[in-house]
Amino acid sequence: MELATGALGTLLPKLGQLLQDEYNLQKGAKKNIQFLTRELQSIQAALRSVGELQPDQVGELVKIWACDARELSYDMEDIVDTFLVRV
C-alpha cells in the first residue's frame, strides 16, 4: 500500500533549521523541538513501513491513523513556515 508520509520529509529539515539558526527561542523550546523531531522521525518510519504492505494487510485503524498523521504533518509544516516567515 502506498501511503505518503505527507509533509514529514520537508517538515523535519525545517525543524532542524530552527535548531541551527539563531532564533531567539523561548527557554526550553530547543529541547521541545528536539523531542518533536524524534517523535516525527518515528512516525515517518512507521508510515514508511505501512506503505510497504499490501492494502489487504493494513487494518482500518492503521489506515485512519496514517491518514490523520499525514494531514497533521501538513498542518505542522504550515505552522513552522508561518513562524519562519515571521521571525
Protein backbone atom coordinates (compact mmCIF):
# COMPACT_ATOMS: atom_id res chain seq x y z
CA MET A 1 0.00 0.00 0.00
CA GLU A 2 1.37 3.36 -1.00
CA LEU A 3 0.83 5.68 1.97
CA ALA A 4 2.52 9.02 1.54
CA THR A 5 4.35 10.36 4.53
CA GLY A 6 2.82 13.76 3.93
CA ALA A 7 4.99 16.72 4.71
CA LEU A 8 7.26 14.85 7.12
CA GLY A 9 10.06 14.77 4.55
CA THR A 10 10.15 18.56 4.38
CA LEU A 11 8.99 19.28 7.94
CA LEU A 12 11.88 17.51 9.66
CA PRO A 13 14.59 19.59 7.94
CA LYS A 14 12.69 22.78 8.82
CA LEU A 15 12.68 21.81 12.48
CA GLY A 16 16.41 21.18 12.20
CA GLN A 17 16.78 24.63 10.70
CA LEU A 18 15.04 26.12 13.72
CA LEU A 19 17.63 24.50 15.95
CA GLN A 20 20.63 25.54 13.83
CA ASP A 21 19.64 29.12 13.06
CA GLU A 22 19.98 31.79 15.67
CA TYR A 23 16.36 32.29 16.63
CA ASN A 24 15.51 33.77 19.99
CA LEU A 25 13.67 30.70 21.16
CA GLN A 26 11.91 30.68 24.49
CA LYS A 27 13.57 28.78 27.29
CA GLY A 28 13.06 25.06 26.76
CA ALA A 29 11.97 25.43 23.12
CA LYS A 30 15.13 23.79 21.81
CA LYS A 31 14.51 20.71 23.95
CA ASN A 32 10.87 20.57 22.81
CA ILE A 33 11.85 20.88 19.15
CA GLN A 34 14.35 18.04 19.56
CA PHE A 35 11.67 15.88 21.19
CA LEU A 36 9.17 16.69 18.42
CA THR A 37 11.77 15.86 15.77
CA ARG A 38 12.41 12.43 17.30
CA GLU A 39 8.68 11.72 17.52
CA LEU A 40 8.11 12.76 13.89
CA GLN A 41 11.00 10.60 12.75
CA SER A 42 9.32 7.63 14.45
CA ILE A 43 6.01 8.44 12.78
CA GLN A 44 7.72 8.76 9.41
CA ALA A 45 9.38 5.36 9.86
CA ALA A 46 6.04 3.79 10.81
CA LEU A 47 4.33 5.32 7.78
CA ARG A 48 7.06 4.00 5.51
CA SER A 49 6.64 0.50 6.98
CA VAL A 50 2.88 0.63 6.47
CA GLY A 51 3.41 1.91 2.94
CA GLU A 52 5.37 -1.24 2.09
CA LEU A 53 2.42 -3.50 2.94
CA GLN A 54 -0.27 -4.68 0.56
CA PRO A 55 -3.62 -2.87 1.01
CA ASP A 56 -5.30 -6.02 2.32
CA GLN A 57 -2.62 -6.38 5.02
CA VAL A 58 -3.39 -2.99 6.56
CA GLY A 59 -6.17 -2.72 9.11
CA GLU A 60 -8.78 0.01 9.01
CA LEU A 61 -7.47 1.61 12.20
CA VAL A 62 -3.95 1.84 10.76
CA LYS A 63 -5.32 3.42 7.56
CA ILE A 64 -7.15 6.05 9.62
CA TRP A 65 -4.05 6.71 11.75
CA ALA A 66 -1.85 7.06 8.66
CA CYS A 67 -4.27 9.49 7.03
CA ASP A 68 -4.51 11.57 10.22
CA ALA A 69 -0.71 11.60 10.64
CA ARG A 70 -0.24 12.71 7.04
CA GLU A 71 -2.79 15.52 7.36
CA LEU A 72 -1.31 16.69 10.66
CA SER A 73 2.13 16.83 9.06
CA TYR A 74 0.79 19.34 6.51
CA ASP A 75 -0.71 21.44 9.31
CA MET A 76 2.57 21.37 11.25
CA GLU A 77 4.54 22.37 8.18
CA ASP A 78 2.23 25.35 7.63
CA ILE A 79 2.74 26.46 11.24
CA VAL A 80 6.54 26.14 11.02
CA ASP A 81 6.54 28.02 7.69
CA THR A 82 4.49 30.82 9.26
CA PHE A 83 6.92 31.00 12.17
CA LEU A 84 9.95 31.09 9.88
CA VAL A 85 8.45 33.93 7.84
CA ARG A 86 7.54 35.99 10.91
CA VAL A 87 10.90 35.62 12.59
